[in-house]
PDB file of N, CA and C in Angstrom:
ATOM      1  N   MET A   1     -14.745  -1.010  -4.577  1.00  0.00           N
ATOM      2  CA  MET A   1     -13.656  -0.182  -4.107  1.00  0.00           C
ATOM      3  C   MET A   1     -14.169   1.115  -3.512  1.00  0.00           C
ATOM      4  N   SER A   2     -15.192   1.676  -4.134  1.00  0.00           N
ATOM      5  CA  SER A   2     -15.684   2.959  -3.637  1.00  0.00           C
ATOM      6  C   SER A   2     -16.303   2.847  -2.255  1.00  0.00           C
ATOM      7  N   SER A   3     -16.840   1.673  -1.911  1.00  0.00           N
ATOM      8  CA  SER A   3     -17.420   1.541  -0.568  1.00  0.00           C
ATOM      9  C   SER A   3     -16.323   1.583   0.488  1.00  0.00           C
ATOM     10  N   ALA A   4     -15.139   1.042   0.199  1.00  0.00           N
ATOM     11  CA  ALA A   4     -14.017   1.126   1.140  1.00  0.00           C
ATOM     12  C   ALA A   4     -13.575   2.577   1.294  1.00  0.00           C
ATOM     13  N   ALA A   5     -13.551   3.324   0.195  1.00  0.00           N
ATOM     14  CA  ALA A   5     -13.168   4.740   0.250  1.00  0.00           C
ATOM     15  C   ALA A   5     -14.200   5.549   1.028  1.00  0.00           C
ATOM     16  N   ARG A   6     -15.475   5.305   0.777  1.00  0.00           N
ATOM     17  CA  ARG A   6     -16.531   6.035   1.521  1.00  0.00           C
ATOM     18  C   ARG A   6     -16.476   5.703   3.007  1.00  0.00           C
ATOM     19  N   SER A   7     -16.207   4.452   3.329  1.00  0.00           N
ATOM     20  CA  SER A   7     -16.101   4.053   4.731  1.00  0.00           C
ATOM     21  C   SER A   7     -14.922   4.757   5.410  1.00  0.00           C
ATOM     22  N   ALA A   8     -13.800   4.846   4.726  1.00  0.00           N
ATOM     23  CA  ALA A   8     -12.636   5.537   5.287  1.00  0.00           C
ATOM     24  C   ALA A   8     -12.928   7.017   5.486  1.00  0.00           C
ATOM     25  N   LEU A   9     -13.593   7.626   4.514  1.00  0.00           N
ATOM     26  CA  LEU A   9     -13.962   9.046   4.644  1.00  0.00           C
ATOM     27  C   LEU A   9     -14.966   9.263   5.780  1.00  0.00           C
ATOM     28  N   ALA A  10     -15.887   8.331   5.944  1.00  0.00           N
ATOM     29  CA  ALA A  10     -16.889   8.450   7.017  1.00  0.00           C
ATOM     30  C   ALA A  10     -16.220   8.504   8.383  1.00  0.00           C
ATOM     31  N   GLN A  11     -15.108   7.796   8.527  1.00  0.00           N
ATOM     32  CA  GLN A  11     -14.393   7.820   9.805  1.00  0.00           C
ATOM     33  C   GLN A  11     -13.754   9.174  10.081  1.00  0.00           C
ATOM     34  N   LEU A  12     -13.629   9.989   9.040  1.00  0.00           N
ATOM     35  CA  LEU A  12     -13.140  11.369   9.211  1.00  0.00           C
ATOM     36  C   LEU A  12     -14.292  12.364   9.295  1.00  0.00           C
ATOM     37  N   GLY A  13     -15.528  11.867   9.253  1.00  0.00           N
ATOM     38  CA  GLY A  13     -16.693  12.731   9.373  1.00  0.00           C
ATOM     39  C   GLY A  13     -17.297  13.193   8.069  1.00  0.00           C
ATOM     40  N   PHE A  14     -16.842  12.647   6.944  1.00  0.00           N
ATOM     41  CA  PHE A  14     -17.403  13.029   5.653  1.00  0.00           C
ATOM     42  C   PHE A  14     -18.707  12.283   5.396  1.00  0.00           C
ATOM     43  N   PRO A  15     -19.644  12.923   4.708  1.00  0.00           N
ATOM     44  CA  PRO A  15     -20.873  12.214   4.317  1.00  0.00           C
ATOM     45  C   PRO A  15     -20.541  11.184   3.234  1.00  0.00           C
ATOM     46  N   SER A  16     -21.457  10.281   2.993  1.00  0.00           N
ATOM     47  CA  SER A  16     -21.262   9.276   1.955  1.00  0.00           C
ATOM     48  C   SER A  16     -21.321   9.954   0.586  1.00  0.00           C
ATOM     49  N   ILE A  17     -20.177  10.051  -0.057  1.00  0.00           N
ATOM     50  CA  ILE A  17     -20.085  10.720  -1.360  1.00  0.00           C
ATOM     51  C   ILE A  17     -19.395   9.807  -2.364  1.00  0.00           C
ATOM     52  N   ALA A  18     -19.613  10.083  -3.620  1.00  0.00           N
ATOM     53  CA  ALA A  18     -18.927   9.341  -4.676  1.00  0.00           C
ATOM     54  C   ALA A  18     -17.467   9.780  -4.732  1.00  0.00           C
ATOM     55  N   ILE A  19     -16.608   8.843  -5.017  1.00  0.00           N
ATOM     56  CA  ILE A  19     -15.187   9.137  -5.189  1.00  0.00           C
ATOM     57  C   ILE A  19     -14.887   8.944  -6.678  1.00  0.00           C
ATOM     58  N   PRO A  20     -14.829  10.026  -7.433  1.00  0.00           N
ATOM     59  CA  PRO A  20     -14.596   9.884  -8.879  1.00  0.00           C
ATOM     60  C   PRO A  20     -13.173   9.412  -9.170  1.00  0.00           C
ATOM     61  N   MET A  21     -12.988   8.918 -10.376  1.00  0.00           N
ATOM     62  CA  MET A  21     -11.688   8.468 -10.835  1.00  0.00           C
ATOM     63  C   MET A  21     -11.129   9.508 -11.801  1.00  0.00           C
ATOM     64  N   GLY A  22      -9.871   9.878 -11.591  1.00  0.00           N
ATOM     65  CA  GLY A  22      -9.220  10.838 -12.473  1.00  0.00           C
ATOM     66  C   GLY A  22      -8.800  10.203 -13.784  1.00  0.00           C
ATOM     67  N   ASP A  23      -8.248  11.013 -14.672  1.00  0.00           N
ATOM     68  CA  ASP A  23      -7.785  10.525 -15.974  1.00  0.00           C
ATOM     69  C   ASP A  23      -6.743   9.425 -15.849  1.00  0.00           C
ATOM     70  N   ASP A  24      -5.963   9.476 -14.759  1.00  0.00           N
ATOM     71  CA  ASP A  24      -4.932   8.460 -14.542  1.00  0.00           C
ATOM     72  C   ASP A  24      -5.458   7.258 -13.749  1.00  0.00           C
ATOM     73  N   ARG A  25      -6.764   7.194 -13.567  1.00  0.00           N
ATOM     74  CA  ARG A  25      -7.475   6.134 -12.847  1.00  0.00           C
ATOM     75  C   ARG A  25      -7.295   6.202 -11.327  1.00  0.00           C
ATOM     76  N   ALA A  26      -6.607   7.213 -10.834  1.00  0.00           N
ATOM     77  CA  ALA A  26      -6.444   7.387  -9.391  1.00  0.00           C
ATOM     78  C   ALA A  26      -7.705   8.016  -8.819  1.00  0.00           C
ATOM     79  N   PRO A  27      -8.044   7.693  -7.563  1.00  0.00           N
ATOM     80  CA  PRO A  27      -9.218   8.312  -6.956  1.00  0.00           C
ATOM     81  C   PRO A  27      -9.018   9.815  -6.775  1.00  0.00           C
ATOM     82  N   VAL A  28     -10.092  10.565  -6.936  1.00  0.00           N
ATOM     83  CA  VAL A  28     -10.058  12.011  -6.710  1.00  0.00           C
ATOM     84  C   VAL A  28     -10.708  12.248  -5.343  1.00  0.00           C
ATOM     85  N   TRP A  29      -9.868  12.534  -4.366  1.00  0.00           N
ATOM     86  CA  TRP A  29     -10.336  12.689  -2.991  1.00  0.00           C
ATOM     87  C   TRP A  29     -10.925  14.079  -2.772  1.00  0.00           C
ATOM     88  N   PRO A  30     -11.794  14.216  -1.776  1.00  0.00           N
ATOM     89  CA  PRO A  30     -12.339  15.545  -1.465  1.00  0.00           C
ATOM     90  C   PRO A  30     -11.212  16.522  -1.109  1.00  0.00           C
ATOM     91  N   ALA A  31     -11.519  17.808  -1.232  1.00  0.00           N
ATOM     92  CA  ALA A  31     -10.535  18.855  -0.914  1.00  0.00           C
ATOM     93  C   ALA A  31      -9.943  18.632   0.472  1.00  0.00           C
ATOM     94  N   ASN A  32      -8.662  18.885   0.593  1.00  0.00           N
ATOM     95  CA  ASN A  32      -7.920  18.817   1.850  1.00  0.00           C
ATOM     96  C   ASN A  32      -7.779  17.405   2.413  1.00  0.00           C
ATOM     97  N   THR A  33      -7.981  16.395   1.577  1.00  0.00           N
ATOM     98  CA  THR A  33      -7.744  15.020   2.004  1.00  0.00           C
ATOM     99  C   THR A  33      -6.819  14.351   0.997  1.00  0.00           C
ATOM    100  N   ILE A  34      -6.139  13.324   1.460  1.00  0.00           N
ATOM    101  CA  ILE A  34      -5.348  12.456   0.596  1.00  0.00           C
ATOM    102  C   ILE A  34      -5.691  11.034   0.967  1.00  0.00           C
ATOM    103  N   GLY A  35      -5.496  10.125   0.049  1.00  0.00           N
ATOM    104  CA  GLY A  35      -5.821   8.744   0.345  1.00  0.00           C
ATOM    105  C   GLY A  35      -5.194   7.785  -0.633  1.00  0.00           C
ATOM    106  N   SER A  36      -5.465   6.526  -0.391  1.00  0.00           N
ATOM    107  CA  SER A  36      -4.938   5.472  -1.241  1.00  0.00           C
ATOM    108  C   SER A  36      -5.909   4.299  -1.191  1.00  0.00           C
ATOM    109  N   ILE A  37      -6.038   3.615  -2.316  1.00  0.00           N
ATOM    110  CA  ILE A  37      -6.886   2.428  -2.411  1.00  0.00           C
ATOM    111  C   ILE A  37      -6.061   1.316  -3.040  1.00  0.00           C
ATOM    112  N   SER A  38      -6.210   0.110  -2.527  1.00  0.00           N
ATOM    113  CA  SER A  38      -5.565  -1.045  -3.135  1.00  0.00           C
ATOM    114  C   SER A  38      -6.540  -2.211  -3.075  1.00  0.00           C
ATOM    115  N   HIS A  39      -6.404  -3.118  -4.017  1.00  0.00           N
ATOM    116  CA  HIS A  39      -7.290  -4.280  -4.007  1.00  0.00           C
ATOM    117  C   HIS A  39      -6.638  -5.470  -4.676  1.00  0.00           C
ATOM    118  N   ILE A  40      -7.120  -6.628  -4.291  1.00  0.00           N
ATOM    119  CA  ILE A  40      -6.844  -7.871  -4.983  1.00  0.00           C
ATOM    120  C   ILE A  40      -8.210  -8.426  -5.357  1.00  0.00           C
ATOM    121  N   SER A  41      -8.282  -9.612  -5.877  1.00  0.00           N
ATOM    122  CA  SER A  41      -9.540 -10.083  -6.463  1.00  0.00           C
ATOM    123  C   SER A  41     -10.756  -9.969  -5.559  1.00  0.00           C
ATOM    124  N   ASN A  42     -10.621 -10.257  -4.277  1.00  0.00           N
ATOM    125  CA  ASN A  42     -11.805 -10.262  -3.419  1.00  0.00           C
ATOM    126  C   ASN A  42     -11.690  -9.396  -2.166  1.00  0.00           C
ATOM    127  N   VAL A  43     -10.672  -8.555  -2.099  1.00  0.00           N
ATOM    128  CA  VAL A  43     -10.469  -7.705  -0.920  1.00  0.00           C
ATOM    129  C   VAL A  43     -10.060  -6.306  -1.390  1.00  0.00           C
ATOM    130  N   CYS A  44     -10.588  -5.294  -0.717  1.00  0.00           N
ATOM    131  CA  CYS A  44     -10.235  -3.910  -1.024  1.00  0.00           C
ATOM    132  C   CYS A  44      -9.974  -3.178   0.285  1.00  0.00           C
ATOM    133  N   ILE A  45      -9.003  -2.284   0.259  1.00  0.00           N
ATOM    134  CA  ILE A  45      -8.696  -1.471   1.435  1.00  0.00           C
ATOM    135  C   ILE A  45      -8.500  -0.027   0.978  1.00  0.00           C
ATOM    136  N   ALA A  46      -8.925   0.901   1.814  1.00  0.00           N
ATOM    137  CA  ALA A  46      -8.727   2.326   1.536  1.00  0.00           C
ATOM    138  C   ALA A  46      -8.267   3.012   2.815  1.00  0.00           C
ATOM    139  N   VAL A  47      -7.366   3.960   2.664  1.00  0.00           N
ATOM    140  CA  VAL A  47      -6.934   4.798   3.782  1.00  0.00           C
ATOM    141  C   VAL A  47      -7.051   6.253   3.346  1.00  0.00           C
ATOM    142  N   VAL A  48      -7.458   7.101   4.259  1.00  0.00           N
ATOM    143  CA  VAL A  48      -7.651   8.522   3.978  1.00  0.00           C
ATOM    144  C   VAL A  48      -7.194   9.310   5.195  1.00  0.00           C
ATOM    145  N   THR A  49      -6.617  10.473   4.948  1.00  0.00           N
ATOM    146  CA  THR A  49      -6.214  11.333   6.050  1.00  0.00           C
ATOM    147  C   THR A  49      -6.240  12.789   5.593  1.00  0.00           C
ATOM    148  N   SER A  50      -5.971  13.673   6.506  1.00  0.00           N
ATOM    149  CA  SER A  50      -5.955  15.109   6.224  1.00  0.00           C
ATOM    150  C   SER A  50      -4.714  15.499   5.434  1.00  0.00           C
ATOM    151  N   ALA A  51      -4.898  16.278   4.389  1.00  0.00           N
ATOM    152  CA  ALA A  51      -3.771  16.776   3.605  1.00  0.00           C
ATOM    153  C   ALA A  51      -2.995  17.839   4.376  1.00  0.00           C
ATOM    154  N   PHE A  52      -3.576  18.366   5.435  1.00  0.00           N
ATOM    155  CA  PHE A  52      -2.874  19.339   6.258  1.00  0.00           C
ATOM    156  C   PHE A  52      -1.854  18.657   7.156  1.00  0.00           C
ATOM    157  N   ARG A  53      -2.130  17.407   7.496  1.00  0.00           N
ATOM    158  CA  ARG A  53      -1.271  16.681   8.430  1.00  0.00           C
ATOM    159  C   ARG A  53      -0.184  15.877   7.718  1.00  0.00           C
ATOM    160  N   TYR A  54      -0.490  15.349   6.546  1.00  0.00           N
ATOM    161  CA  TYR A  54       0.452  14.493   5.814  1.00  0.00           C
ATOM    162  C   TYR A  54       0.535  14.928   4.360  1.00  0.00           C
ATOM    163  N   ARG A  55       1.688  14.672   3.748  1.00  0.00           N
ATOM    164  CA  ARG A  55       1.865  14.976   2.325  1.00  0.00           C
ATOM    165  C   ARG A  55       1.450  13.809   1.447  1.00  0.00           C
ATOM    166  N   ALA A  56       1.598  12.589   1.958  1.00  0.00           N
ATOM    167  CA  ALA A  56       1.281  11.407   1.157  1.00  0.00           C
ATOM    168  C   ALA A  56       0.917  10.257   2.079  1.00  0.00           C
ATOM    169  N   ILE A  57       0.129   9.352   1.564  1.00  0.00           N
ATOM    170  CA  ILE A  57      -0.221   8.135   2.287  1.00  0.00           C
ATOM    171  C   ILE A  57      -0.434   7.052   1.231  1.00  0.00           C
ATOM    172  N   GLY A  58      -0.069   5.854   1.558  1.00  0.00           N
ATOM    173  CA  GLY A  58      -0.225   4.784   0.577  1.00  0.00           C
ATOM    174  C   GLY A  58      -0.511   3.457   1.235  1.00  0.00           C
ATOM    175  N   VAL A  59      -1.155   2.606   0.485  1.00  0.00           N
ATOM    176  CA  VAL A  59      -1.448   1.248   0.939  1.00  0.00           C
ATOM    177  C   VAL A  59      -1.348   0.340  -0.282  1.00  0.00           C
ATOM    178  N   ASP A  60      -0.891  -0.870  -0.075  1.00  0.00           N
ATOM    179  CA  ASP A  60      -0.765  -1.809  -1.182  1.00  0.00           C
ATOM    180  C   ASP A  60      -1.086  -3.213  -0.680  1.00  0.00           C
ATOM    181  N   MET A  61      -1.728  -3.975  -1.528  1.00  0.00           N
ATOM    182  CA  MET A  61      -2.036  -5.374  -1.223  1.00  0.00           C
ATOM    183  C   MET A  61      -1.478  -6.232  -2.350  1.00  0.00           C
ATOM    184  N   GLU A  62      -0.914  -7.363  -1.973  1.00  0.00           N
ATOM    185  CA  GLU A  62      -0.386  -8.298  -2.947  1.00  0.00           C
ATOM    186  C   GLU A  62      -0.604  -9.714  -2.440  1.00  0.00           C
ATOM    187  N   TYR A  63      -0.669 -10.641  -3.363  1.00  0.00           N
ATOM    188  CA  TYR A  63      -0.679 -12.046  -2.983  1.00  0.00           C
ATOM    189  C   TYR A  63       0.730 -12.438  -2.587  1.00  0.00           C
ATOM    190  N   MET A  64       0.853 -13.311  -1.600  1.00  0.00           N
ATOM    191  CA  MET A  64       2.151 -13.783  -1.142  1.00  0.00           C
ATOM    192  C   MET A  64       2.605 -14.938  -2.023  1.00  0.00           C
ATOM    193  N   LEU A  65       3.238 -14.599  -3.137  1.00  0.00           N
ATOM    194  CA  LEU A  65       3.730 -15.600  -4.074  1.00  0.00           C
ATOM    195  C   LEU A  65       5.215 -15.844  -3.824  1.00  0.00           C
ATOM    196  N   PRO A  66       5.700 -17.049  -4.123  1.00  0.00           N
ATOM    197  CA  PRO A  66       7.134 -17.326  -3.925  1.00  0.00           C
ATOM    198  C   PRO A  66       7.993 -16.426  -4.807  1.00  0.00           C
ATOM    199  N   LEU A  67       9.169 -16.104  -4.312  1.00  0.00           N
ATOM    200  CA  LEU A  67      10.125 -15.309  -5.078  1.00  0.00           C
ATOM    201  C   LEU A  67      11.207 -16.215  -5.642  1.00  0.00           C
ATOM    202  N   GLU A  68      11.666 -15.897  -6.839  1.00  0.00           N
ATOM    203  CA  GLU A  68      12.809 -16.603  -7.411  1.00  0.00           C
ATOM    204  C   GLU A  68      14.070 -16.108  -6.715  1.00  0.00           C
ATOM    205  N   ASN A  69      15.097 -16.951  -6.660  1.00  0.00           N
ATOM    206  CA  ASN A  69      16.357 -16.570  -6.009  1.00  0.00           C
ATOM    207  C   ASN A  69      16.939 -15.293  -6.598  1.00  0.00           C
ATOM    208  N   SER A  70      16.794 -15.096  -7.908  1.00  0.00           N
ATOM    209  CA  SER A  70      17.343 -13.890  -8.532  1.00  0.00           C
ATOM    210  C   SER A  70      16.686 -12.630  -7.988  1.00  0.00           C
ATOM    211  N   HIS A  71      15.411 -12.713  -7.592  1.00  0.00           N
ATOM    212  CA  HIS A  71      14.744 -11.556  -7.000  1.00  0.00           C
ATOM    213  C   HIS A  71      15.217 -11.333  -5.568  1.00  0.00           C
ATOM    214  N   CYS A  72      15.478 -12.419  -4.842  1.00  0.00           N
ATOM    215  CA  CYS A  72      15.922 -12.285  -3.451  1.00  0.00           C
ATOM    216  C   CYS A  72      17.205 -11.475  -3.354  1.00  0.00           C
ATOM    217  N   ILE A  73      18.164 -11.758  -4.246  1.00  0.00           N
ATOM    218  CA  ILE A  73      19.441 -11.044  -4.143  1.00  0.00           C
ATOM    219  C   ILE A  73      19.344  -9.602  -4.614  1.00  0.00           C
ATOM    220  N   SER A  74      18.281  -9.261  -5.329  1.00  0.00           N
ATOM    221  CA  SER A  74      18.116  -7.860  -5.706  1.00  0.00           C
ATOM    222  C   SER A  74      17.402  -7.064  -4.618  1.00  0.00           C
ATOM    223  N   ILE A  75      16.821  -7.763  -3.640  1.00  0.00           N
ATOM    224  CA  ILE A  75      16.109  -7.100  -2.541  1.00  0.00           C
ATOM    225  C   ILE A  75      16.969  -7.026  -1.289  1.00  0.00           C
ATOM    226  N   ALA A  76      17.637  -8.131  -0.956  1.00  0.00           N
ATOM    227  CA  ALA A  76      18.400  -8.208   0.287  1.00  0.00           C
ATOM    228  C   ALA A  76      19.882  -8.412  -0.015  1.00  0.00           C
ATOM    229  N   THR A  77      20.729  -7.926   0.909  1.00  0.00           N
ATOM    230  CA  THR A  77      22.167  -8.130   0.763  1.00  0.00           C
ATOM    231  C   THR A  77      22.516  -9.570   1.144  1.00  0.00           C
ATOM    232  N   THR A  78      23.716  -9.984   0.802  1.00  0.00           N
ATOM    233  CA  THR A  78      24.178 -11.325   1.161  1.00  0.00           C
ATOM    234  C   THR A  78      24.126 -11.509   2.676  1.00  0.00           C
ATOM    235  N   ASP A  79      24.531 -10.479   3.407  1.00  0.00           N
ATOM    236  CA  ASP A  79      24.516 -10.544   4.870  1.00  0.00           C
ATOM    237  C   ASP A  79      23.093 -10.719   5.395  1.00  0.00           C
ATOM    238  N   GLU A  80      22.150  -9.976   4.835  1.00  0.00           N
ATOM    239  CA  GLU A  80      20.751 -10.108   5.257  1.00  0.00           C
ATOM    240  C   GLU A  80      20.214 -11.497   4.950  1.00  0.00           C
ATOM    241  N   LEU A  81      20.561 -12.035   3.783  1.00  0.00           N
ATOM    242  CA  LEU A  81      20.124 -13.392   3.438  1.00  0.00           C
ATOM    243  C   LEU A  81      20.726 -14.424   4.381  1.00  0.00           C
ATOM    244  N   TYR A  82      21.992 -14.211   4.792  1.00  0.00           N
ATOM    245  CA  TYR A  82      22.631 -15.120   5.737  1.00  0.00           C
ATOM    246  C   TYR A  82      21.862 -15.156   7.054  1.00  0.00           C
ATOM    247  N   HIS A  83      21.388 -14.006   7.502  1.00  0.00           N
ATOM    248  CA  HIS A  83      20.676 -13.928   8.778  1.00  0.00           C
ATOM    249  C   HIS A  83      19.300 -14.589   8.741  1.00  0.00           C
ATOM    250  N   VAL A  84      18.803 -14.855   7.571  1.00  0.00           N
ATOM    251  CA  VAL A  84      17.536 -15.601   7.470  1.00  0.00           C
ATOM    252  C   VAL A  84      17.813 -17.011   6.936  1.00  0.00           C
ATOM    253  N   ASN A  85      19.034 -17.504   7.248  1.00  0.00           N
ATOM    254  CA  ASN A  85      19.443 -18.885   6.948  1.00  0.00           C
ATOM    255  C   ASN A  85      19.438 -19.223   5.467  1.00  0.00           C
ATOM    256  N   GLY A  86      19.631 -18.242   4.624  1.00  0.00           N
ATOM    257  CA  GLY A  86      19.725 -18.504   3.196  1.00  0.00           C
ATOM    258  C   GLY A  86      18.414 -18.831   2.508  1.00  0.00           C
ATOM    259  N   THR A  87      17.356 -18.982   3.258  1.00  0.00           N
ATOM    260  CA  THR A  87      16.036 -19.256   2.670  1.00  0.00           C
ATOM    261  C   THR A  87      15.082 -18.189   3.173  1.00  0.00           C
ATOM    262  N   PRO A  88      15.157 -17.014   2.605  1.00  0.00           N
ATOM    263  CA  PRO A  88      14.386 -15.886   3.130  1.00  0.00           C
ATOM    264  C   PRO A  88      12.882 -16.088   3.045  1.00  0.00           C
ATOM    265  N   ASP A  89      12.248 -15.689   4.092  1.00  0.00           N
ATOM    266  CA  ASP A  89      10.794 -15.674   4.141  1.00  0.00           C
ATOM    267  C   ASP A  89      10.331 -14.481   3.316  1.00  0.00           C
ATOM    268  N   LEU A  90       9.325 -14.677   2.497  1.00  0.00           N
ATOM    269  CA  LEU A  90       8.832 -13.599   1.638  1.00  0.00           C
ATOM    270  C   LEU A  90       8.431 -12.382   2.463  1.00  0.00           C
ATOM    271  N   LYS A  91       7.836 -12.594   3.624  1.00  0.00           N
ATOM    272  CA  LYS A  91       7.422 -11.465   4.467  1.00  0.00           C
ATOM    273  C   LYS A  91       8.631 -10.638   4.883  1.00  0.00           C
ATOM    274  N   ILE A  92       9.734 -11.300   5.241  1.00  0.00           N
ATOM    275  CA  ILE A  92      10.941 -10.581   5.654  1.00  0.00           C
ATOM    276  C   ILE A  92      11.492  -9.776   4.486  1.00  0.00           C
ATOM    277  N   LEU A  93      11.542 -10.376   3.297  1.00  0.00           N
ATOM    278  CA  LEU A  93      12.051  -9.645   2.139  1.00  0.00           C
ATOM    279  C   LEU A  93      11.173  -8.449   1.798  1.00  0.00           C
ATOM    280  N   LYS A  94       9.866  -8.591   1.959  1.00  0.00           N
ATOM    281  CA  LYS A  94       8.985  -7.457   1.684  1.00  0.00           C
ATOM    282  C   LYS A  94       9.212  -6.344   2.695  1.00  0.00           C
ATOM    283  N   ILE A  95       9.485  -6.694   3.946  1.00  0.00           N
ATOM    284  CA  ILE A  95       9.784  -5.678   4.964  1.00  0.00           C
ATOM    285  C   ILE A  95      11.079  -4.960   4.594  1.00  0.00           C
ATOM    286  N   ILE A  96      12.106  -5.723   4.211  1.00  0.00           N
ATOM    287  CA  ILE A  96      13.372  -5.114   3.795  1.00  0.00           C
ATOM    288  C   ILE A  96      13.145  -4.184   2.613  1.00  0.00           C
ATOM    289  N   PHE A  97      12.417  -4.659   1.607  1.00  0.00           N
ATOM    290  CA  PHE A  97      12.143  -3.848   0.419  1.00  0.00           C
ATOM    291  C   PHE A  97      11.391  -2.576   0.791  1.00  0.00           C
ATOM    292  N   ASN A  98      10.343  -2.706   1.613  1.00  0.00           N
ATOM    293  CA  ASN A  98       9.537  -1.542   1.985  1.00  0.00           C
ATOM    294  C   ASN A  98      10.332  -0.528   2.795  1.00  0.00           C
ATOM    295  N   GLU A  99      11.213  -0.988   3.674  1.00  0.00           N
ATOM    296  CA  GLU A  99      12.037  -0.067   4.461  1.00  0.00           C
ATOM    297  C   GLU A  99      12.966   0.731   3.557  1.00  0.00           C
ATOM    298  N   ARG A 100      13.478   0.097   2.531  1.00  0.00           N
ATOM    299  CA  ARG A 100      14.404   0.779   1.621  1.00  0.00           C
ATOM    300  C   ARG A 100      13.687   1.736   0.696  1.00  0.00           C
ATOM    301  N   SER A 101      12.424   1.470   0.414  1.00  0.00           N
ATOM    302  CA  SER A 101      11.717   2.319  -0.558  1.00  0.00           C
ATOM    303  C   SER A 101      10.881   3.396   0.119  1.00  0.00           C
ATOM    304  N   SER A 102      10.837   3.408   1.464  1.00  0.00           N
ATOM    305  CA  SER A 102      10.044   4.450   2.137  1.00  0.00           C
ATOM    306  C   SER A 102      10.794   5.772   2.084  1.00  0.00           C
ATOM    307  N   PHE A 103      10.048   6.865   2.208  1.00  0.00           N
ATOM    308  CA  PHE A 103      10.700   8.172   2.116  1.00  0.00           C
ATOM    309  C   PHE A 103      10.576   8.945   3.363  1.00  0.00           C
TER     310      PHE A 103
END
């Protein structure tokens, strides 16, 4: 994971440095930067940007597992489900969920 973070920082001109982990297990980014790291078993991604330009940045990775019908109706409205022919694609539901949870 740290190599993805160092690579992201390098693209901003930072030297290769260690990214320590805080008490809450979150990465401790260099001063005036913010970032996010996510991983699954064999893939890791990191994003970093200037804290002067943005207040927050995030990235998340998940396996595309099937959703139960009970989860579908908690994410999308009946009308939205109708527009995807009653059998929603997981990618579409994740887009709907992410749009509603963005700030």
